[in-house]
Amino acid sequence: MTVRFSIADVAEMIKQPIDRVRLAIEKLDGRGDLTAESFLFADKSWRIAPLDIKKIQAVIAELPSEASDKPKRRVVRKVVKTTEEQSD
């Protein structure tokens, strides 16, 4: 039986953010470059074969650096008017 890793395991091994690893896997899957031992499990969780880790690293190296930027936090301010302010 072949050992398979989750996306989190692979991200930890190659020291990359999970989002970049997921993007690389989806690109490889779209091209049909993953081995038959790597597969999508339950429509959301990948099981990745050790043979595909080098391919994932190569795709991550090709990704633009902007993909690694974390999403910026959006701050929403809620203003509540009191009854005195509403009458103005």
PDB file of N, CA and C in Angstrom:
ATOM      1  N   MET A   1       0.845  -1.180   0.000  1.00  0.00           N
ATOM      2  CA  MET A   1       0.000   0.000   0.000  1.00  0.00           C
ATOM      3  C   MET A   1       0.886   1.238   0.000  1.00  0.00           C
ATOM      4  N   THR A   2       0.552   2.206  -0.838  1.00  0.00           N
ATOM      5  CA  THR A   2       1.331   3.426  -0.988  1.00  0.00           C
ATOM      6  C   THR A   2       0.950   4.433   0.093  1.00  0.00           C
ATOM      7  N   VAL A   3       1.956   5.078   0.651  1.00  0.00           N
ATOM      8  CA  VAL A   3       1.716   6.144   1.617  1.00  0.00           C
ATOM      9  C   VAL A   3       1.247   7.376   0.851  1.00  0.00           C
ATOM     10  N   ARG A   4       0.229   8.030   1.348  1.00  0.00           N
ATOM     11  CA  ARG A   4      -0.264   9.259   0.730  1.00  0.00           C
ATOM     12  C   ARG A   4      -0.334  10.354   1.785  1.00  0.00           C
ATOM     13  N   PHE A   5      -0.159  11.574   1.326  1.00  0.00           N
ATOM     14  CA  PHE A   5      -0.126  12.718   2.233  1.00  0.00           C
ATOM     15  C   PHE A   5      -1.305  13.642   1.948  1.00  0.00           C
ATOM     16  N   SER A   6      -1.704  14.407   2.953  1.00  0.00           N
ATOM     17  CA  SER A   6      -2.721  15.441   2.767  1.00  0.00           C
ATOM     18  C   SER A   6      -2.028  16.718   2.281  1.00  0.00           C
ATOM     19  N   ILE A   7      -2.814  17.703   1.893  1.00  0.00           N
ATOM     20  CA  ILE A   7      -2.242  18.980   1.456  1.00  0.00           C
ATOM     21  C   ILE A   7      -1.484  19.636   2.608  1.00  0.00           C
ATOM     22  N   ALA A   8      -2.020  19.547   3.807  1.00  0.00           N
ATOM     23  CA  ALA A   8      -1.345  20.137   4.971  1.00  0.00           C
ATOM     24  C   ALA A   8       0.009  19.467   5.211  1.00  0.00           C
ATOM     25  N   ASP A   9       0.072  18.151   5.052  1.00  0.00           N
ATOM     26  CA  ASP A   9       1.346  17.438   5.220  1.00  0.00           C
ATOM     27  C   ASP A   9       2.372  17.893   4.191  1.00  0.00           C
ATOM     28  N   VAL A  10       1.935  18.003   2.944  1.00  0.00           N
ATOM     29  CA  VAL A  10       2.842  18.429   1.873  1.00  0.00           C
ATOM     30  C   VAL A  10       3.298  19.862   2.104  1.00  0.00           C
ATOM     31  N   ALA A  11       2.375  20.744   2.499  1.00  0.00           N
ATOM     32  CA  ALA A  11       2.725  22.142   2.761  1.00  0.00           C
ATOM     33  C   ALA A  11       3.766  22.243   3.869  1.00  0.00           C
ATOM     34  N   GLU A  12       3.618  21.426   4.882  1.00  0.00           N
ATOM     35  CA  GLU A  12       4.585  21.434   5.978  1.00  0.00           C
ATOM     36  C   GLU A  12       5.941  20.894   5.519  1.00  0.00           C
ATOM     37  N   MET A  13       5.925  19.849   4.700  1.00  0.00           N
ATOM     38  CA  MET A  13       7.179  19.256   4.211  1.00  0.00           C
ATOM     39  C   MET A  13       7.983  20.234   3.367  1.00  0.00           C
ATOM     40  N   ILE A  14       7.293  20.930   2.468  1.00  0.00           N
ATOM     41  CA  ILE A  14       8.016  21.817   1.551  1.00  0.00           C
ATOM     42  C   ILE A  14       8.010  23.272   2.019  1.00  0.00           C
ATOM     43  N   LYS A  15       7.435  23.510   3.200  1.00  0.00           N
ATOM     44  CA  LYS A  15       7.433  24.830   3.835  1.00  0.00           C
ATOM     45  C   LYS A  15       6.826  25.909   2.930  1.00  0.00           C
ATOM     46  N   GLN A  16       5.600  25.632   2.479  1.00  0.00           N
ATOM     47  CA  GLN A  16       4.845  26.556   1.641  1.00  0.00           C
ATOM     48  C   GLN A  16       3.439  26.694   2.225  1.00  0.00           C
ATOM     49  N   PRO A  17       2.775  27.807   1.955  1.00  0.00           N
ATOM     50  CA  PRO A  17       1.393  27.958   2.421  1.00  0.00           C
ATOM     51  C   PRO A  17       0.470  26.934   1.746  1.00  0.00           C
ATOM     52  N   ILE A  18      -0.549  26.525   2.457  1.00  0.00           N
ATOM     53  CA  ILE A  18      -1.479  25.512   1.949  1.00  0.00           C
ATOM     54  C   ILE A  18      -2.153  25.983   0.664  1.00  0.00           C
ATOM     55  N   ASP A  19      -2.466  27.275   0.569  1.00  0.00           N
ATOM     56  CA  ASP A  19      -3.134  27.792  -0.632  1.00  0.00           C
ATOM     57  C   ASP A  19      -2.284  27.607  -1.881  1.00  0.00           C
ATOM     58  N   ARG A  20      -0.978  27.834  -1.754  1.00  0.00           N
ATOM     59  CA  ARG A  20      -0.086  27.652  -2.910  1.00  0.00           C
ATOM     60  C   ARG A  20       0.028  26.183  -3.288  1.00  0.00           C
ATOM     61  N   VAL A  21       0.051  25.301  -2.294  1.00  0.00           N
ATOM     62  CA  VAL A  21       0.128  23.869  -2.572  1.00  0.00           C
ATOM     63  C   VAL A  21      -1.151  23.419  -3.267  1.00  0.00           C
ATOM     64  N   ARG A  22      -2.294  23.878  -2.771  1.00  0.00           N
ATOM     65  CA  ARG A  22      -3.574  23.513  -3.394  1.00  0.00           C
ATOM     66  C   ARG A  22      -3.638  24.010  -4.840  1.00  0.00           C
ATOM     67  N   LEU A  23      -3.175  25.235  -5.079  1.00  0.00           N
ATOM     68  CA  LEU A  23      -3.174  25.791  -6.426  1.00  0.00           C
ATOM     69  C   LEU A  23      -2.283  24.966  -7.354  1.00  0.00           C
ATOM     70  N   ALA A  24      -1.118  24.573  -6.861  1.00  0.00           N
ATOM     71  CA  ALA A  24      -0.208  23.756  -7.662  1.00  0.00           C
ATOM     72  C   ALA A  24      -0.820  22.398  -7.986  1.00  0.00           C
ATOM     73  N   ILE A  25      -1.472  21.788  -7.020  1.00  0.00           N
ATOM     74  CA  ILE A  25      -2.107  20.482  -7.248  1.00  0.00           C
ATOM     75  C   ILE A  25      -3.230  20.607  -8.273  1.00  0.00           C
ATOM     76  N   GLU A  26      -4.015  21.663  -8.161  1.00  0.00           N
ATOM     77  CA  GLU A  26      -5.108  21.853  -9.117  1.00  0.00           C
ATOM     78  C   GLU A  26      -4.581  22.091 -10.525  1.00  0.00           C
ATOM     79  N   LYS A  27      -3.453  22.820 -10.638  1.00  0.00           N
ATOM     80  CA  LYS A  27      -2.844  23.017 -11.963  1.00  0.00           C
ATOM     81  C   LYS A  27      -2.349  21.697 -12.531  1.00  0.00           C
ATOM     82  N   LEU A  28      -1.661  20.915 -11.702  1.00  0.00           N
ATOM     83  CA  LEU A  28      -1.168  19.612 -12.169  1.00  0.00           C
ATOM     84  C   LEU A  28      -2.323  18.696 -12.558  1.00  0.00           C
ATOM     85  N   ASP A  29      -3.387  18.718 -11.781  1.00  0.00           N
ATOM     86  CA  ASP A  29      -4.544  17.879 -12.082  1.00  0.00           C
ATOM     87  C   ASP A  29      -5.199  18.325 -13.388  1.00  0.00           C
ATOM     88  N   GLY A  30      -5.292  19.617 -13.597  1.00  0.00           N
ATOM     89  CA  GLY A  30      -5.877  20.144 -14.830  1.00  0.00           C
ATOM     90  C   GLY A  30      -5.083  19.742 -16.060  1.00  0.00           C
ATOM     91  N   ARG A  31      -3.764  19.670 -15.908  1.00  0.00           N
ATOM     92  CA  ARG A  31      -2.902  19.255 -17.018  1.00  0.00           C
ATOM     93  C   ARG A  31      -2.830  17.738 -17.175  1.00  0.00           C
ATOM     94  N   GLY A  32      -3.289  17.024 -16.138  1.00  0.00           N
ATOM     95  CA  GLY A  32      -3.199  15.566 -16.162  1.00  0.00           C
ATOM     96  C   GLY A  32      -1.808  15.055 -15.823  1.00  0.00           C
ATOM     97  N   ASP A  33      -1.047  15.849 -15.061  1.00  0.00           N
ATOM     98  CA  ASP A  33       0.330  15.488 -14.730  1.00  0.00           C
ATOM     99  C   ASP A  33       0.495  14.751 -13.411  1.00  0.00           C
ATOM    100  N   LEU A  34      -0.573  14.582 -12.651  1.00  0.00           N
ATOM    101  CA  LEU A  34      -0.475  13.831 -11.397  1.00  0.00           C
ATOM    102  C   LEU A  34      -0.470  12.332 -11.701  1.00  0.00           C
ATOM    103  N   THR A  35       0.209  11.578 -10.862  1.00  0.00           N
ATOM    104  CA  THR A  35       0.183  10.123 -11.030  1.00  0.00           C
ATOM    105  C   THR A  35      -1.193   9.598 -10.624  1.00  0.00           C
ATOM    106  N   ALA A  36      -1.469   8.380 -10.992  1.00  0.00           N
ATOM    107  CA  ALA A  36      -2.763   7.773 -10.660  1.00  0.00           C
ATOM    108  C   ALA A  36      -2.887   7.511  -9.159  1.00  0.00           C
ATOM    109  N   GLU A  37      -1.779   7.569  -8.438  1.00  0.00           N
ATOM    110  CA  GLU A  37      -1.802   7.330  -6.995  1.00  0.00           C
ATOM    111  C   GLU A  37      -2.258   8.548  -6.202  1.00  0.00           C
ATOM    112  N   SER A  38      -2.303   9.726  -6.828  1.00  0.00           N
ATOM    113  CA  SER A  38      -2.814  10.934  -6.180  1.00  0.00           C
ATOM    114  C   SER A  38      -4.240  11.141  -6.654  1.00  0.00           C
ATOM    115  N   PHE A  39      -5.126  11.456  -5.725  1.00  0.00           N
ATOM    116  CA  PHE A  39      -6.530  11.595  -6.104  1.00  0.00           C
ATOM    117  C   PHE A  39      -7.259  12.515  -5.145  1.00  0.00           C
ATOM    118  N   LEU A  40      -8.394  13.025  -5.633  1.00  0.00           N
ATOM    119  CA  LEU A  40      -9.281  13.858  -4.833  1.00  0.00           C
ATOM    120  C   LEU A  40     -10.223  12.949  -4.070  1.00  0.00           C
ATOM    121  N   PHE A  41     -10.261  13.098  -2.763  1.00  0.00           N
ATOM    122  CA  PHE A  41     -11.065  12.240  -1.907  1.00  0.00           C
ATOM    123  C   PHE A  41     -12.245  13.027  -1.374  1.00  0.00           C
ATOM    124  N   ALA A  42     -13.446  12.523  -1.559  1.00  0.00           N
ATOM    125  CA  ALA A  42     -14.683  13.134  -1.046  1.00  0.00           C
ATOM    126  C   ALA A  42     -14.878  14.563  -1.557  1.00  0.00           C
ATOM    127  N   ASP A  43     -14.468  14.821  -2.776  1.00  0.00           N
ATOM    128  CA  ASP A  43     -14.649  16.122  -3.447  1.00  0.00           C
ATOM    129  C   ASP A  43     -14.030  17.312  -2.736  1.00  0.00           C
ATOM    130  N   LYS A  44     -13.138  17.091  -1.763  1.00  0.00           N
ATOM    131  CA  LYS A  44     -12.531  18.247  -1.099  1.00  0.00           C
ATOM    132  C   LYS A  44     -11.138  17.995  -0.550  1.00  0.00           C
ATOM    133  N   SER A  45     -10.760  16.785  -0.326  1.00  0.00           N
ATOM    134  CA  SER A  45      -9.488  16.487   0.316  1.00  0.00           C
ATOM    135  C   SER A  45      -8.606  15.668  -0.626  1.00  0.00           C
ATOM    136  N   TRP A  46      -7.414  16.162  -0.878  1.00  0.00           N
ATOM    137  CA  TRP A  46      -6.490  15.463  -1.762  1.00  0.00           C
ATOM    138  C   TRP A  46      -5.666  14.451  -0.988  1.00  0.00           C
ATOM    139  N   ARG A  47      -5.384  13.332  -1.612  1.00  0.00           N
ATOM    140  CA  ARG A  47      -4.433  12.333  -1.131  1.00  0.00           C
ATOM    141  C   ARG A  47      -3.297  12.330  -2.145  1.00  0.00           C
ATOM    142  N   ILE A  48      -2.120  12.711  -1.719  1.00  0.00           N
ATOM    143  CA  ILE A  48      -1.013  12.960  -2.632  1.00  0.00           C
ATOM    144  C   ILE A  48       0.069  11.909  -2.455  1.00  0.00           C
ATOM    145  N   ALA A  49       0.472  11.315  -3.557  1.00  0.00           N
ATOM    146  CA  ALA A  49       1.526  10.299  -3.554  1.00  0.00           C
ATOM    147  C   ALA A  49       2.891  10.979  -3.450  1.00  0.00           C
ATOM    148  N   PRO A  50       3.856  10.299  -2.845  1.00  0.00           N
ATOM    149  CA  PRO A  50       5.202  10.880  -2.719  1.00  0.00           C
ATOM    150  C   PRO A  50       5.841  11.242  -4.061  1.00  0.00           C
ATOM    151  N   LEU A  51       5.498  10.532  -5.114  1.00  0.00           N
ATOM    152  CA  LEU A  51       6.074  10.813  -6.431  1.00  0.00           C
ATOM    153  C   LEU A  51       5.685  12.190  -6.958  1.00  0.00           C
ATOM    154  N   ASP A  52       4.572  12.716  -6.506  1.00  0.00           N
ATOM    155  CA  ASP A  52       4.077  13.993  -7.019  1.00  0.00           C
ATOM    156  C   ASP A  52       4.604  15.207  -6.264  1.00  0.00           C
ATOM    157  N   ILE A  53       5.289  15.004  -5.173  1.00  0.00           N
ATOM    158  CA  ILE A  53       5.757  16.145  -4.369  1.00  0.00           C
ATOM    159  C   ILE A  53       6.771  16.984  -5.136  1.00  0.00           C
ATOM    160  N   LYS A  54       7.673  16.368  -5.860  1.00  0.00           N
ATOM    161  CA  LYS A  54       8.661  17.122  -6.663  1.00  0.00           C
ATOM    162  C   LYS A  54       7.956  17.929  -7.756  1.00  0.00           C
ATOM    163  N   LYS A  55       6.917  17.354  -8.353  1.00  0.00           N
ATOM    164  CA  LYS A  55       6.150  18.078  -9.376  1.00  0.00           C
ATOM    165  C   LYS A  55       5.462  19.293  -8.761  1.00  0.00           C
ATOM    166  N   ILE A  56       4.929  19.118  -7.560  1.00  0.00           N
ATOM    167  CA  ILE A  56       4.258  20.225  -6.868  1.00  0.00           C
ATOM    168  C   ILE A  56       5.253  21.344  -6.585  1.00  0.00           C
ATOM    169  N   GLN A  57       6.454  20.986  -6.143  1.00  0.00           N
ATOM    170  CA  GLN A  57       7.484  21.985  -5.872  1.00  0.00           C
ATOM    171  C   GLN A  57       7.847  22.749  -7.144  1.00  0.00           C
ATOM    172  N   ALA A  58       7.927  22.049  -8.257  1.00  0.00           N
ATOM    173  CA  ALA A  58       8.272  22.705  -9.527  1.00  0.00           C
ATOM    174  C   ALA A  58       7.184  23.686  -9.947  1.00  0.00           C
ATOM    175  N   VAL A  59       5.932  23.315  -9.777  1.00  0.00           N
ATOM    176  CA  VAL A  59       4.835  24.209 -10.146  1.00  0.00           C
ATOM    177  C   VAL A  59       4.800  25.413  -9.212  1.00  0.00           C
ATOM    178  N   ILE A  60       5.044  25.205  -7.933  1.00  0.00           N
ATOM    179  CA  ILE A  60       5.065  26.322  -6.980  1.00  0.00           C
ATOM    180  C   ILE A  60       6.168  27.310  -7.349  1.00  0.00           C
ATOM    181  N   ALA A  61       7.307  26.810  -7.803  1.00  0.00           N
ATOM    182  CA  ALA A  61       8.403  27.690  -8.212  1.00  0.00           C
ATOM    183  C   ALA A  61       8.005  28.537  -9.427  1.00  0.00           C
ATOM    184  N   GLU A  62       7.119  28.022 -10.273  1.00  0.00           N
ATOM    185  CA  GLU A  62       6.664  28.745 -11.460  1.00  0.00           C
ATOM    186  C   GLU A  62       5.573  29.762 -11.148  1.00  0.00           C
ATOM    187  N   LEU A  63       4.879  29.601 -10.014  1.00  0.00           N
ATOM    188  CA  LEU A  63       3.769  30.492  -9.671  1.00  0.00           C
ATOM    189  C   LEU A  63       4.276  31.904  -9.425  1.00  0.00           C
ATOM    190  N   PRO A  64       3.493  32.898  -9.813  1.00  0.00           N
ATOM    191  CA  PRO A  64       3.897  34.282  -9.524  1.00  0.00           C
ATOM    192  C   PRO A  64       3.929  34.526  -8.018  1.00  0.00           C
ATOM    193  N   SER A  65       4.789  35.421  -7.596  1.00  0.00           N
ATOM    194  CA  SER A  65       4.947  35.675  -6.162  1.00  0.00           C
ATOM    195  C   SER A  65       3.708  36.322  -5.555  1.00  0.00           C
ATOM    196  N   GLU A  66       2.879  36.983  -6.360  1.00  0.00           N
ATOM    197  CA  GLU A  66       1.682  37.627  -5.819  1.00  0.00           C
ATOM    198  C   GLU A  66       0.688  36.612  -5.276  1.00  0.00           C
ATOM    199  N   ALA A  67       0.766  35.363  -5.731  1.00  0.00           N
ATOM    200  CA  ALA A  67      -0.148  34.330  -5.227  1.00  0.00           C
ATOM    201  C   ALA A  67       0.156  33.988  -3.775  1.00  0.00           C
ATOM    202  N   SER A  68       1.359  34.345  -3.314  1.00  0.00           N
ATOM    203  CA  SER A  68       1.732  34.013  -1.942  1.00  0.00           C
ATOM    204  C   SER A  68       1.280  35.072  -0.937  1.00  0.00           C
ATOM    205  N   ASP A  69       0.852  36.249  -1.436  1.00  0.00           N
ATOM    206  CA  ASP A  69       0.408  37.289  -0.524  1.00  0.00           C
ATOM    207  C   ASP A  69      -0.858  36.847   0.194  1.00  0.00           C
ATOM    208  N   LYS A  70      -0.868  37.087   1.475  1.00  0.00           N
ATOM    209  CA  LYS A  70      -2.044  36.739   2.256  1.00  0.00           C
ATOM    210  C   LYS A  70      -3.150  37.750   1.953  1.00  0.00           C
ATOM    211  N   PRO A  71      -4.387  37.320   2.011  1.00  0.00           N
ATOM    212  CA  PRO A  71      -5.476  38.279   1.787  1.00  0.00           C
ATOM    213  C   PRO A  71      -5.459  39.352   2.867  1.00  0.00           C
ATOM    214  N   LYS A  72      -5.766  40.559   2.463  1.00  0.00           N
ATOM    215  CA  LYS A  72      -5.746  41.663   3.419  1.00  0.00           C
ATOM    216  C   LYS A  72      -7.024  41.656   4.238  1.00  0.00           C
ATOM    217  N   ARG A  73      -6.876  42.003   5.476  1.00  0.00           N
ATOM    218  CA  ARG A  73      -8.009  42.039   6.388  1.00  0.00           C
ATOM    219  C   ARG A  73      -8.854  43.265   6.090  1.00  0.00           C
ATOM    220  N   ARG A  74     -10.128  43.046   5.976  1.00  0.00           N
ATOM    221  CA  ARG A  74     -11.059  44.129   5.707  1.00  0.00           C
ATOM    222  C   ARG A  74     -11.749  44.508   6.999  1.00  0.00           C
ATOM    223  N   VAL A  75     -11.716  45.777   7.341  1.00  0.00           N
ATOM    224  CA  VAL A  75     -12.333  46.257   8.567  1.00  0.00           C
ATOM    225  C   VAL A  75     -13.621  46.985   8.200  1.00  0.00           C
ATOM    226  N   VAL A  76     -14.708  46.569   8.812  1.00  0.00           N
ATOM    227  CA  VAL A  76     -16.007  47.191   8.578  1.00  0.00           C
ATOM    228  C   VAL A  76     -16.422  47.880   9.863  1.00  0.00           C
ATOM    229  N   ARG A  77     -16.752  49.149   9.738  1.00  0.00           N
ATOM    230  CA  ARG A  77     -17.154  49.903  10.909  1.00  0.00           C
ATOM    231  C   ARG A  77     -18.663  50.087  10.869  1.00  0.00           C
ATOM    232  N   LYS A  78     -19.308  49.769  11.948  1.00  0.00           N
ATOM    233  CA  LYS A  78     -20.753  49.934  12.041  1.00  0.00           C
ATOM    234  C   LYS A  78     -21.041  51.158  12.901  1.00  0.00           C
ATOM    235  N   VAL A  79     -21.849  52.058  12.344  1.00  0.00           N
ATOM    236  CA  VAL A  79     -22.210  53.273  13.060  1.00  0.00           C
ATOM    237  C   VAL A  79     -23.667  53.147  13.462  1.00  0.00           C
ATOM    238  N   VAL A  80     -23.921  53.268  14.759  1.00  0.00           N
ATOM    239  CA  VAL A  80     -25.278  53.187  15.283  1.00  0.00           C
ATOM    240  C   VAL A  80     -25.673  54.574  15.768  1.00  0.00           C
ATOM    241  N   LYS A  81     -26.763  55.071  15.218  1.00  0.00           N
ATOM    242  CA  LYS A  81     -27.238  56.397  15.628  1.00  0.00           C
ATOM    243  C   LYS A  81     -28.211  56.241  16.779  1.00  0.00           C
ATOM    244  N   THR A  82     -28.073  57.122  17.722  1.00  0.00           N
ATOM    245  CA  THR A  82     -29.031  57.142  18.839  1.00  0.00           C
ATOM    246  C   THR A  82     -30.295  57.847  18.389  1.00  0.00           C
ATOM    247  N   THR A  83     -31.351  57.765  19.161  1.00  0.00           N
ATOM    248  CA  THR A  83     -32.616  58.399  18.805  1.00  0.00           C
ATOM    249  C   THR A  83     -32.491  59.914  18.708  1.00  0.00           C
ATOM    250  N   GLU A  84     -31.624  60.534  19.514  1.00  0.00           N
ATOM    251  CA  GLU A  84     -31.427  61.980  19.459  1.00  0.00           C
ATOM    252  C   GLU A  84     -30.797  62.391  18.130  1.00  0.00           C
ATOM    253  N   GLU A  85     -29.846  61.585  17.625  1.00  0.00           N
ATOM    254  CA  GLU A  85     -29.164  61.890  16.381  1.00  0.00           C
ATOM    255  C   GLU A  85     -30.079  61.667  15.183  1.00  0.00           C
ATOM    256  N   GLN A  86     -31.007  60.762  15.270  1.00  0.00           N
ATOM    257  CA  GLN A  86     -31.904  60.454  14.165  1.00  0.00           C
ATOM    258  C   GLN A  86     -32.909  61.577  13.928  1.00  0.00           C
ATOM    259  N   SER A  87     -33.262  62.311  14.967  1.00  0.00           N
ATOM    260  CA  SER A  87     -34.250  63.375  14.842  1.00  0.00           C
ATOM    261  C   SER A  87     -33.658  64.615  14.152  1.00  0.00           C
ATOM    262  N   ASP A  88     -32.364  64.720  14.032  1.00  0.00           N
ATOM    263  CA  ASP A  88     -31.718  65.894  13.419  1.00  0.00           C
ATOM    264  C   ASP A  88     -31.968  65.983  11.965  1.00  0.00           C
TER     265      ASP A  88
END
